[in-house]
PDB file of all heavy atoms in Angstrom:
ATOM      1  N   ASP A   1    -196.531 -22.874  58.921  1.00  0.00           N
ATOM      2  CA  ASP A   1    -197.184 -22.027  57.930  1.00  0.00           C
ATOM      3  C   ASP A   1    -198.134 -22.831  57.065  1.00  0.00           C
ATOM      4  O   ASP A   1    -199.257 -22.408  56.768  1.00  0.00           O
ATOM      5  CB  ASP A   1    -196.128 -21.340  57.047  1.00  0.00           C
ATOM      6  CG  ASP A   1    -195.367 -20.270  57.801  1.00  0.00           C
ATOM      7  OD1 ASP A   1    -195.846 -19.856  58.874  1.00  0.00           O
ATOM      8  OD2 ASP A   1    -194.290 -19.860  57.331  1.00  0.00           O
ATOM      9  N   PHE A   2    -197.652 -24.026  56.635  1.00  0.00           N
ATOM     10  CA  PHE A   2    -198.472 -24.866  55.770  1.00  0.00           C
ATOM     11  C   PHE A   2    -199.756 -25.284  56.480  1.00  0.00           C
ATOM     12  O   PHE A   2    -200.859 -25.209  55.927  1.00  0.00           O
ATOM     13  CB  PHE A   2    -197.675 -26.099  55.346  1.00  0.00           C
ATOM     14  CG  PHE A   2    -198.501 -27.118  54.608  1.00  0.00           C
ATOM     15  CD1 PHE A   2    -198.825 -26.930  53.266  1.00  0.00           C
ATOM     16  CD2 PHE A   2    -198.965 -28.259  55.264  1.00  0.00           C
ATOM     17  CE1 PHE A   2    -199.593 -27.863  52.590  1.00  0.00           C
ATOM     18  CE2 PHE A   2    -199.742 -29.178  54.582  1.00  0.00           C
ATOM     19  CZ  PHE A   2    -200.062 -28.991  53.247  1.00  0.00           C
ATOM     20  N   LEU A   3    -199.594 -25.742  57.741  1.00  0.00           N
ATOM     21  CA  LEU A   3    -200.750 -26.174  58.497  1.00  0.00           C
ATOM     22  C   LEU A   3    -201.724 -25.025  58.759  1.00  0.00           C
ATOM     23  O   LEU A   3    -202.948 -25.208  58.744  1.00  0.00           O
ATOM     24  CB  LEU A   3    -200.303 -26.797  59.824  1.00  0.00           C
ATOM     25  CG  LEU A   3    -199.532 -28.119  59.706  1.00  0.00           C
ATOM     26  CD1 LEU A   3    -199.045 -28.565  61.076  1.00  0.00           C
ATOM     27  CD2 LEU A   3    -200.402 -29.193  59.068  1.00  0.00           C
ATOM     28  N   PHE A   4    -201.154 -23.806  58.989  1.00  0.00           N
ATOM     29  CA  PHE A   4    -202.020 -22.637  59.232  1.00  0.00           C
ATOM     30  C   PHE A   4    -202.865 -22.345  58.002  1.00  0.00           C
ATOM     31  O   PHE A   4    -204.091 -22.202  58.096  1.00  0.00           O
ATOM     32  CB  PHE A   4    -201.153 -21.425  59.586  1.00  0.00           C
ATOM     33  CG  PHE A   4    -201.922 -20.139  59.612  1.00  0.00           C
ATOM     34  CD1 PHE A   4    -202.696 -19.801  60.715  1.00  0.00           C
ATOM     35  CD2 PHE A   4    -201.885 -19.255  58.537  1.00  0.00           C
ATOM     36  CE1 PHE A   4    -203.414 -18.623  60.748  1.00  0.00           C
ATOM     37  CE2 PHE A   4    -202.600 -18.073  58.566  1.00  0.00           C
ATOM     38  CZ  PHE A   4    -203.356 -17.761  59.677  1.00  0.00           C
ATOM     39  N   TRP A   5    -202.208 -22.286  56.832  1.00  0.00           N
ATOM     40  CA  TRP A   5    -202.960 -21.941  55.627  1.00  0.00           C
ATOM     41  C   TRP A   5    -203.881 -23.078  55.179  1.00  0.00           C
ATOM     42  O   TRP A   5    -204.938 -22.847  54.593  1.00  0.00           O
ATOM     43  CB  TRP A   5    -201.994 -21.559  54.503  1.00  0.00           C
ATOM     44  CG  TRP A   5    -201.385 -20.221  54.751  1.00  0.00           C
ATOM     45  CD1 TRP A   5    -200.087 -19.952  55.039  1.00  0.00           C
ATOM     46  CD2 TRP A   5    -202.065 -18.968  54.783  1.00  0.00           C
ATOM     47  NE1 TRP A   5    -199.911 -18.613  55.251  1.00  0.00           N
ATOM     48  CE2 TRP A   5    -201.082 -17.972  55.097  1.00  0.00           C
ATOM     49  CE3 TRP A   5    -203.397 -18.566  54.574  1.00  0.00           C
ATOM     50  CZ2 TRP A   5    -201.415 -16.629  55.208  1.00  0.00           C
ATOM     51  CZ3 TRP A   5    -203.721 -17.231  54.683  1.00  0.00           C
ATOM     52  CH2 TRP A   5    -202.734 -16.272  55.001  1.00  0.00           C
ATOM     53  N   GLU A   6    -203.458 -24.353  55.476  1.00  0.00           N
ATOM     54  CA  GLU A   6    -204.354 -25.475  55.183  1.00  0.00           C
ATOM     55  C   GLU A   6    -205.614 -25.372  56.026  1.00  0.00           C
ATOM     56  O   GLU A   6    -206.737 -25.594  55.546  1.00  0.00           O
ATOM     57  CB  GLU A   6    -203.635 -26.791  55.469  1.00  0.00           C
ATOM     58  CG  GLU A   6    -204.491 -28.011  55.121  1.00  0.00           C
ATOM     59  CD  GLU A   6    -203.801 -29.308  55.506  1.00  0.00           C
ATOM     60  OE1 GLU A   6    -203.219 -29.350  56.608  1.00  0.00           O
ATOM     61  OE2 GLU A   6    -203.845 -30.250  54.705  1.00  0.00           O
ATOM     62  N   ARG A   7    -205.424 -24.970  57.283  1.00  0.00           N
ATOM     63  CA  ARG A   7    -206.566 -24.803  58.179  1.00  0.00           C
ATOM     64  C   ARG A   7    -207.467 -23.683  57.692  1.00  0.00           C
ATOM     65  O   ARG A   7    -208.694 -23.792  57.711  1.00  0.00           O
ATOM     66  CB  ARG A   7    -206.060 -24.521  59.590  1.00  0.00           C
ATOM     67  CG  ARG A   7    -207.166 -24.429  60.627  1.00  0.00           C
ATOM     68  CD  ARG A   7    -206.587 -24.060  61.964  1.00  0.00           C
ATOM     69  NE  ARG A   7    -207.619 -23.877  62.973  1.00  0.00           N
ATOM     70  CZ  ARG A   7    -207.493 -23.102  64.030  1.00  0.00           C
ATOM     71  NH1 ARG A   7    -206.377 -22.421  64.213  1.00  0.00           N
ATOM     72  NH2 ARG A   7    -208.471 -22.987  64.908  1.00  0.00           N
ATOM     73  N   MET A   8    -206.835 -22.563  57.262  1.00  0.00           N
ATOM     74  CA  MET A   8    -207.613 -21.433  56.766  1.00  0.00           C
ATOM     75  C   MET A   8    -208.372 -21.801  55.498  1.00  0.00           C
ATOM     76  O   MET A   8    -209.506 -21.390  55.281  1.00  0.00           O
ATOM     77  CB  MET A   8    -206.698 -20.226  56.512  1.00  0.00           C
ATOM     78  CG  MET A   8    -206.160 -19.580  57.774  1.00  0.00           C
ATOM     79  SD  MET A   8    -207.489 -18.958  58.830  1.00  0.00           S
ATOM     80  CE  MET A   8    -206.550 -18.307  60.208  1.00  0.00           C
ATOM     81  N   ALA A   9    -207.710 -22.586  54.627  1.00  0.00           N
ATOM     82  CA  ALA A   9    -208.346 -22.978  53.365  1.00  0.00           C
ATOM     83  C   ALA A   9    -209.558 -23.862  53.615  1.00  0.00           C
ATOM     84  O   ALA A   9    -210.573 -23.770  52.911  1.00  0.00           O
ATOM     85  CB  ALA A   9    -207.339 -23.688  52.476  1.00  0.00           C
ATOM     86  N   SER A  10    -209.452 -24.732  54.605  1.00  0.00           N
ATOM     87  CA  SER A  10    -210.557 -25.631  54.912  1.00  0.00           C
ATOM     88  C   SER A  10    -211.633 -24.968  55.766  1.00  0.00           C
ATOM     89  O   SER A  10    -212.745 -25.466  55.877  1.00  0.00           O
ATOM     90  CB  SER A  10    -210.034 -26.884  55.627  1.00  0.00           C
ATOM     91  OG  SER A  10    -209.390 -26.533  56.840  1.00  0.00           O
ATOM     92  N   ASN A  11    -211.262 -23.826  56.386  1.00  0.00           N
ATOM     93  CA  ASN A  11    -212.218 -23.082  57.221  1.00  0.00           C
ATOM     94  C   ASN A  11    -212.166 -21.600  56.843  1.00  0.00           C
ATOM     95  O   ASN A  11    -211.600 -20.780  57.567  1.00  0.00           O
ATOM     96  CB  ASN A  11    -211.888 -23.243  58.698  1.00  0.00           C
ATOM     97  CG  ASN A  11    -211.998 -24.673  59.164  1.00  0.00           C
ATOM     98  OD1 ASN A  11    -213.069 -25.159  59.469  1.00  0.00           O
ATOM     99  ND2 ASN A  11    -210.855 -25.360  59.211  1.00  0.00           N
ATOM    100  N   PRO A  12    -212.691 -21.229  55.690  1.00  0.00           N
ATOM    101  CA  PRO A  12    -212.597 -19.838  55.229  1.00  0.00           C
ATOM    102  C   PRO A  12    -213.208 -18.836  56.192  1.00  0.00           C
ATOM    103  O   PRO A  12    -212.830 -17.678  56.211  1.00  0.00           O
ATOM    104  CB  PRO A  12    -213.354 -19.851  53.890  1.00  0.00           C
ATOM    105  CG  PRO A  12    -214.202 -21.086  53.950  1.00  0.00           C
ATOM    106  CD  PRO A  12    -213.440 -22.078  54.759  1.00  0.00           C
ATOM    107  N   GLU A  13    -214.146 -19.309  57.036  1.00  0.00           N
ATOM    108  CA  GLU A  13    -214.742 -18.394  57.991  1.00  0.00           C
ATOM    109  C   GLU A  13    -213.707 -17.920  59.014  1.00  0.00           C
ATOM    110  O   GLU A  13    -213.785 -16.800  59.524  1.00  0.00           O
ATOM    111  CB  GLU A  13    -215.933 -19.042  58.704  1.00  0.00           C
ATOM    112  CG  GLU A  13    -215.593 -20.219  59.611  1.00  0.00           C
ATOM    113  CD  GLU A  13    -215.454 -21.530  58.869  1.00  0.00           C
ATOM    114  OE1 GLU A  13    -215.541 -21.488  57.615  1.00  0.00           O
ATOM    115  OE2 GLU A  13    -215.280 -22.560  59.512  1.00  0.00           O
ATOM    116  N   LEU A  14    -212.696 -18.781  59.299  1.00  0.00           N
ATOM    117  CA  LEU A  14    -211.633 -18.376  60.216  1.00  0.00           C
ATOM    118  C   LEU A  14    -210.779 -17.277  59.601  1.00  0.00           C
ATOM    119  O   LEU A  14    -210.382 -16.319  60.265  1.00  0.00           O
ATOM    120  CB  LEU A  14    -210.756 -19.577  60.583  1.00  0.00           C
ATOM    121  CG  LEU A  14    -211.409 -20.665  61.441  1.00  0.00           C
ATOM    122  CD1 LEU A  14    -210.424 -21.804  61.673  1.00  0.00           C
ATOM    123  CD2 LEU A  14    -211.861 -20.085  62.776  1.00  0.00           C
ATOM    124  N   LEU A  15    -210.462 -17.444  58.302  1.00  0.00           N
ATOM    125  CA  LEU A  15    -209.680 -16.429  57.606  1.00  0.00           C
ATOM    126  C   LEU A  15    -210.431 -15.116  57.572  1.00  0.00           C
ATOM    127  O   LEU A  15    -209.871 -14.052  57.829  1.00  0.00           O
ATOM    128  CB  LEU A  15    -209.363 -16.901  56.182  1.00  0.00           C
ATOM    129  CG  LEU A  15    -208.577 -15.925  55.294  1.00  0.00           C
ATOM    130  CD1 LEU A  15    -207.220 -15.613  55.938  1.00  0.00           C
ATOM    131  CD2 LEU A  15    -208.390 -16.494  53.901  1.00  0.00           C
ATOM    132  N   PHE A  16    -211.720 -15.187  57.279  1.00  0.00           N
ATOM    133  CA  PHE A  16    -212.535 -13.971  57.243  1.00  0.00           C
ATOM    134  C   PHE A  16    -212.572 -13.298  58.613  1.00  0.00           C
ATOM    135  O   PHE A  16    -212.472 -12.088  58.726  1.00  0.00           O
ATOM    136  CB  PHE A  16    -213.953 -14.324  56.796  1.00  0.00           C
ATOM    137  CG  PHE A  16    -214.898 -13.164  56.822  1.00  0.00           C
ATOM    138  CD1 PHE A  16    -214.861 -12.190  55.834  1.00  0.00           C
ATOM    139  CD2 PHE A  16    -215.832 -13.027  57.842  1.00  0.00           C
ATOM    140  CE1 PHE A  16    -215.732 -11.115  55.861  1.00  0.00           C
ATOM    141  CE2 PHE A  16    -216.695 -11.963  57.885  1.00  0.00           C
ATOM    142  CZ  PHE A  16    -216.646 -11.002  56.879  1.00  0.00           C
ATOM    143  N   ALA A  17    -212.699 -14.118  59.661  1.00  0.00           N
ATOM    144  CA  ALA A  17    -212.766 -13.572  61.013  1.00  0.00           C
ATOM    145  C   ALA A  17    -211.461 -12.875  61.392  1.00  0.00           C
ATOM    146  O   ALA A  17    -211.477 -11.815  62.020  1.00  0.00           O
ATOM    147  CB  ALA A  17    -213.064 -14.684  62.012  1.00  0.00           C
ATOM    148  N   GLN A  18    -210.340 -13.464  60.984  1.00  0.00           N
ATOM    149  CA  GLN A  18    -209.058 -12.842  61.322  1.00  0.00           C
ATOM    150  C   GLN A  18    -208.879 -11.529  60.573  1.00  0.00           C
ATOM    151  O   GLN A  18    -208.429 -10.529  61.146  1.00  0.00           O
ATOM    152  CB  GLN A  18    -207.898 -13.783  60.977  1.00  0.00           C
ATOM    153  CG  GLN A  18    -206.541 -13.166  61.283  1.00  0.00           C
ATOM    154  CD  GLN A  18    -205.463 -14.207  61.455  1.00  0.00           C
ATOM    155  OE1 GLN A  18    -205.733 -15.371  61.677  1.00  0.00           O
ATOM    156  NE2 GLN A  18    -204.235 -13.764  61.352  1.00  0.00           N
ATOM    157  N   VAL A  19    -209.212 -11.525  59.288  1.00  0.00           N
ATOM    158  CA  VAL A  19    -209.106 -10.292  58.501  1.00  0.00           C
ATOM    159  C   VAL A  19    -210.018  -9.226  59.078  1.00  0.00           C
ATOM    160  O   VAL A  19    -209.645  -8.058  59.200  1.00  0.00           O
ATOM    161  CB  VAL A  19    -209.458 -10.567  57.022  1.00  0.00           C
ATOM    162  CG1 VAL A  19    -209.564  -9.253  56.251  1.00  0.00           C
ATOM    163  CG2 VAL A  19    -208.418 -11.477  56.389  1.00  0.00           C
ATOM    164  N   LEU A  20    -211.237  -9.639  59.456  1.00  0.00           N
ATOM    165  CA  LEU A  20    -212.186  -8.697  60.039  1.00  0.00           C
ATOM    166  C   LEU A  20    -211.653  -8.125  61.336  1.00  0.00           C
ATOM    167  O   LEU A  20    -211.756  -6.924  61.597  1.00  0.00           O
ATOM    168  CB  LEU A  20    -213.529  -9.403  60.284  1.00  0.00           C
ATOM    169  CG  LEU A  20    -214.665  -8.529  60.823  1.00  0.00           C
ATOM    170  CD1 LEU A  20    -215.016  -7.446  59.811  1.00  0.00           C
ATOM    171  CD2 LEU A  20    -215.882  -9.383  61.124  1.00  0.00           C
ATOM    172  N   GLN A  21    -211.040  -8.997  62.159  1.00  0.00           N
ATOM    173  CA  GLN A  21    -210.489  -8.546  63.432  1.00  0.00           C
ATOM    174  C   GLN A  21    -209.377  -7.528  63.214  1.00  0.00           C
ATOM    175  O   GLN A  21    -209.300  -6.513  63.906  1.00  0.00           O
ATOM    176  CB  GLN A  21    -209.959  -9.739  64.225  1.00  0.00           C
ATOM    177  CG  GLN A  21    -209.432  -9.380  65.608  1.00  0.00           C
ATOM    178  CD  GLN A  21    -208.938 -10.604  66.361  1.00  0.00           C
ATOM    179  OE1 GLN A  21    -208.646 -11.634  65.771  1.00  0.00           O
ATOM    180  NE2 GLN A  21    -208.839 -10.481  67.668  1.00  0.00           N
ATOM    181  N   GLU A  22    -208.506  -7.805  62.237  1.00  0.00           N
ATOM    182  CA  GLU A  22    -207.418  -6.873  61.951  1.00  0.00           C
ATOM    183  C   GLU A  22    -207.945  -5.550  61.417  1.00  0.00           C
ATOM    184  O   GLU A  22    -207.439  -4.480  61.755  1.00  0.00           O
ATOM    185  CB  GLU A  22    -206.436  -7.502  60.958  1.00  0.00           C
ATOM    186  CG  GLU A  22    -205.653  -8.672  61.544  1.00  0.00           C
ATOM    187  CD  GLU A  22    -204.721  -9.306  60.535  1.00  0.00           C
ATOM    188  OE1 GLU A  22    -204.774  -8.891  59.355  1.00  0.00           O
ATOM    189  OE2 GLU A  22    -203.957 -10.214  60.916  1.00  0.00           O
ATOM    190  N   ASN A  23    -208.994  -5.613  60.597  1.00  0.00           N
ATOM    191  CA  ASN A  23    -209.586  -4.381  60.068  1.00  0.00           C
ATOM    192  C   ASN A  23    -210.231  -3.558  61.174  1.00  0.00           C
ATOM    193  O   ASN A  23    -210.134  -2.332  61.202  1.00  0.00           O
ATOM    194  CB  ASN A  23    -210.622  -4.703  58.991  1.00  0.00           C
ATOM    195  CG  ASN A  23    -209.987  -5.178  57.700  1.00  0.00           C
ATOM    196  OD1 ASN A  23    -208.811  -4.880  57.434  1.00  0.00           O
ATOM    197  ND2 ASN A  23    -210.725  -5.906  56.890  1.00  0.00           N
ATOM    198  N   GLU A  24    -210.916  -4.254  62.088  1.00  0.00           N
ATOM    199  CA  GLU A  24    -211.553  -3.551  63.200  1.00  0.00           C
ATOM    200  C   GLU A  24    -210.504  -2.916  64.110  1.00  0.00           C
ATOM    201  O   GLU A  24    -210.688  -1.808  64.613  1.00  0.00           O
ATOM    202  CB  GLU A  24    -212.425  -4.520  64.005  1.00  0.00           C
ATOM    203  CG  GLU A  24    -213.676  -4.972  63.277  1.00  0.00           C
ATOM    204  CD  GLU A  24    -214.563  -3.809  62.893  1.00  0.00           C
ATOM    205  OE1 GLU A  24    -214.771  -2.904  63.728  1.00  0.00           O
ATOM    206  OE2 GLU A  24    -215.033  -3.775  61.739  1.00  0.00           O
ATOM    207  N   LEU A  25    -209.392  -3.621  64.303  1.00  0.00           N
ATOM    208  CA  LEU A  25    -208.315  -3.072  65.127  1.00  0.00           C
ATOM    209  C   LEU A  25    -207.722  -1.830  64.474  1.00  0.00           C
ATOM    210  O   LEU A  25    -207.429  -0.842  65.151  1.00  0.00           O
ATOM    211  CB  LEU A  25    -207.223  -4.123  65.337  1.00  0.00           C
ATOM    212  CG  LEU A  25    -206.044  -3.704  66.222  1.00  0.00           C
ATOM    213  CD1 LEU A  25    -206.534  -3.377  67.627  1.00  0.00           C
ATOM    214  CD2 LEU A  25    -204.999  -4.809  66.272  1.00  0.00           C
ATOM    215  N   ALA A  26    -207.582  -1.867  63.151  1.00  0.00           N
ATOM    216  CA  ALA A  26    -207.042  -0.714  62.431  1.00  0.00           C
ATOM    217  C   ALA A  26    -207.954   0.496  62.576  1.00  0.00           C
ATOM    218  O   ALA A  26    -207.485   1.629  62.667  1.00  0.00           O
ATOM    219  CB  ALA A  26    -206.847  -1.060  60.960  1.00  0.00           C
ATOM    220  N   LYS A  27    -209.283   0.232  62.634  1.00  0.00           N
ATOM    221  CA  LYS A  27    -210.226   1.346  62.774  1.00  0.00           C
ATOM    222  C   LYS A  27    -210.116   2.014  64.139  1.00  0.00           C
ATOM    223  O   LYS A  27    -210.462   3.185  64.290  1.00  0.00           O
ATOM    224  CB  LYS A  27    -211.657   0.844  62.563  1.00  0.00           C
ATOM    225  CG  LYS A  27    -211.966   0.422  61.138  1.00  0.00           C
ATOM    226  CD  LYS A  27    -213.385  -0.100  61.038  1.00  0.00           C
ATOM    227  CE  LYS A  27    -213.701  -0.585  59.631  1.00  0.00           C
ATOM    228  NZ  LYS A  27    -215.073  -1.136  59.531  1.00  0.00           N
ATOM    229  N   LEU A  28    -209.665   1.255  65.128  1.00  0.00           N
ATOM    230  CA  LEU A  28    -209.555   1.800  66.478  1.00  0.00           C
ATOM    231  C   LEU A  28    -208.326   2.685  66.651  1.00  0.00           C
ATOM    232  O   LEU A  28    -208.261   3.474  67.586  1.00  0.00           O
ATOM    233  CB  LEU A  28    -209.500   0.655  67.505  1.00  0.00           C
ATOM    234  CG  LEU A  28    -210.762  -0.197  67.640  1.00  0.00           C
ATOM    235  CD1 LEU A  28    -210.491  -1.343  68.610  1.00  0.00           C
ATOM    236  CD2 LEU A  28    -211.932   0.636  68.126  1.00  0.00           C
ATOM    237  N   LYS A  29    -207.367   2.544  65.784  1.00  0.00           N
ATOM    238  CA  LYS A  29    -206.138   3.324  65.911  1.00  0.00           C
ATOM    239  C   LYS A  29    -206.377   4.760  65.466  1.00  0.00           C
ATOM    240  O   LYS A  29    -207.156   5.009  64.558  1.00  0.00           O
ATOM    241  CB  LYS A  29    -205.025   2.693  65.074  1.00  0.00           C
ATOM    242  CG  LYS A  29    -204.576   1.337  65.597  1.00  0.00           C
ATOM    243  CD  LYS A  29    -203.431   0.767  64.782  1.00  0.00           C
ATOM    244  CE  LYS A  29    -202.963  -0.555  65.355  1.00  0.00           C
ATOM    245  NZ  LYS A  29    -201.867  -1.140  64.569  1.00  0.00           N
ATOM    246  N   PRO A  30    -205.731   5.732  66.106  1.00  0.00           N
ATOM    247  CA  PRO A  30    -204.777   5.556  67.201  1.00  0.00           C
ATOM    248  C   PRO A  30    -205.462   5.160  68.509  1.00  0.00           C
ATOM    249  O   PRO A  30    -206.572   5.606  68.789  1.00  0.00           O
ATOM    250  CB  PRO A  30    -204.127   6.926  67.314  1.00  0.00           C
ATOM    251  CG  PRO A  30    -205.168   7.870  66.830  1.00  0.00           C
ATOM    252  CD  PRO A  30    -205.892   7.157  65.735  1.00  0.00           C
ATOM    253  N   ILE A  31    -204.800   4.315  69.273  1.00  0.00           N
ATOM    254  CA  ILE A  31    -205.361   3.804  70.524  1.00  0.00           C
ATOM    255  C   ILE A  31    -204.708   4.524  71.699  1.00  0.00           C
ATOM    256  O   ILE A  31    -203.484   4.622  71.777  1.00  0.00           O
ATOM    257  CB  ILE A  31    -205.128   2.288  70.633  1.00  0.00           C
ATOM    258  CG1 ILE A  31    -205.817   1.563  69.469  1.00  0.00           C
ATOM    259  CG2 ILE A  31    -205.640   1.765  71.969  1.00  0.00           C
ATOM    260  CD1 ILE A  31    -205.506   0.097  69.380  1.00  0.00           C
ATOM    261  N   ARG A  32    -205.516   5.029  72.586  1.00  0.00           N
ATOM    262  CA  ARG A  32    -205.017   5.771  73.750  1.00  0.00           C
ATOM    263  C   ARG A  32    -204.268   4.836  74.700  1.00  0.00           C
ATOM    264  O   ARG A  32    -204.801   3.795  75.102  1.00  0.00           O
ATOM    265  CB  ARG A  32    -206.190   6.432  74.463  1.00  0.00           C
ATOM    266  CG  ARG A  32    -205.830   7.155  75.756  1.00  0.00           C
ATOM    267  CD  ARG A  32    -205.107   8.458  75.480  1.00  0.00           C
ATOM    268  NE  ARG A  32    -205.059   9.281  76.680  1.00  0.00           N
ATOM    269  CZ  ARG A  32    -204.079   9.236  77.588  1.00  0.00           C
ATOM    270  NH1 ARG A  32    -203.063   8.405  77.425  1.00  0.00           N
ATOM    271  NH2 ARG A  32    -204.118  10.023  78.643  1.00  0.00           N
ATOM    272  N   ASP A  33    -203.062   5.203  75.022  1.00  0.00           N
ATOM    273  CA  ASP A  33    -202.258   4.479  76.005  1.00  0.00           C
ATOM    274  C   ASP A  33    -202.472   5.160  77.357  1.00  0.00           C
ATOM    275  O   ASP A  33    -201.894   6.207  77.632  1.00  0.00           O
ATOM    276  CB  ASP A  33    -200.784   4.515  75.608  1.00  0.00           C
ATOM    277  CG  ASP A  33    -199.906   3.729  76.575  1.00  0.00           C
ATOM    278  OD1 ASP A  33    -200.424   3.242  77.600  1.00  0.00           O
ATOM    279  OD2 ASP A  33    -198.688   3.612  76.321  1.00  0.00           O
ATOM    280  N   HIS A  34    -203.298   4.550  78.198  1.00  0.00           N
ATOM    281  CA  HIS A  34    -203.676   5.195  79.454  1.00  0.00           C
ATOM    282  C   HIS A  34    -202.590   5.118  80.518  1.00  0.00           C
ATOM    283  O   HIS A  34    -202.781   5.624  81.628  1.00  0.00           O
ATOM    284  CB  HIS A  34    -204.983   4.597  79.969  1.00  0.00           C
ATOM    285  CG  HIS A  34    -206.170   4.986  79.143  1.00  0.00           C
ATOM    286  ND1 HIS A  34    -206.751   6.237  79.208  1.00  0.00           N
ATOM    287  CD2 HIS A  34    -206.854   4.303  78.182  1.00  0.00           C
ATOM    288  CE1 HIS A  34    -207.756   6.304  78.358  1.00  0.00           C
ATOM    289  NE2 HIS A  34    -207.845   5.143  77.720  1.00  0.00           N
ATOM    290  N   ARG A  35    -201.483   4.485  80.174  1.00  0.00           N
ATOM    291  CA  ARG A  35    -200.342   4.554  81.086  1.00  0.00           C
ATOM    292  C   ARG A  35    -199.716   5.946  81.059  1.00  0.00           C
ATOM    293  O   ARG A  35    -199.011   6.335  81.994  1.00  0.00           O
ATOM    294  CB  ARG A  35    -199.291   3.506  80.704  1.00  0.00           C
ATOM    295  CG  ARG A  35    -199.757   2.061  80.880  1.00  0.00           C
ATOM    296  CD  ARG A  35    -198.752   1.093  80.307  1.00  0.00           C
ATOM    297  NE  ARG A  35    -198.569   1.307  78.875  1.00  0.00           N
ATOM    298  CZ  ARG A  35    -197.698   0.618  78.129  1.00  0.00           C
ATOM    299  NH1 ARG A  35    -196.935  -0.303  78.684  1.00  0.00           N
ATOM    300  NH2 ARG A  35    -197.598   0.867  76.831  1.00  0.00           N
ATOM    301  N   VAL A  36    -199.983   6.686  79.981  1.00  0.00           N
ATOM    302  CA  VAL A  36    -199.499   8.068  79.862  1.00  0.00           C
ATOM    303  C   VAL A  36    -200.538   8.993  80.487  1.00  0.00           C
ATOM    304  O   VAL A  36    -201.703   8.976  80.089  1.00  0.00           O
ATOM    305  CB  VAL A  36    -199.269   8.453  78.386  1.00  0.00           C
ATOM    306  CG1 VAL A  36    -198.794   9.892  78.276  1.00  0.00           C
ATOM    307  CG2 VAL A  36    -198.266   7.497  77.734  1.00  0.00           C
TER     308      VAL A  36
END
């Protein structure tokens, strides 16, 4: 955990990218499960 947040602190663009990715994923929900 420490190393992850140290990495994020030293590379804020990574933190922004992850938050952006999670936000974009949330916008896609609900996601169609084509196995059904």
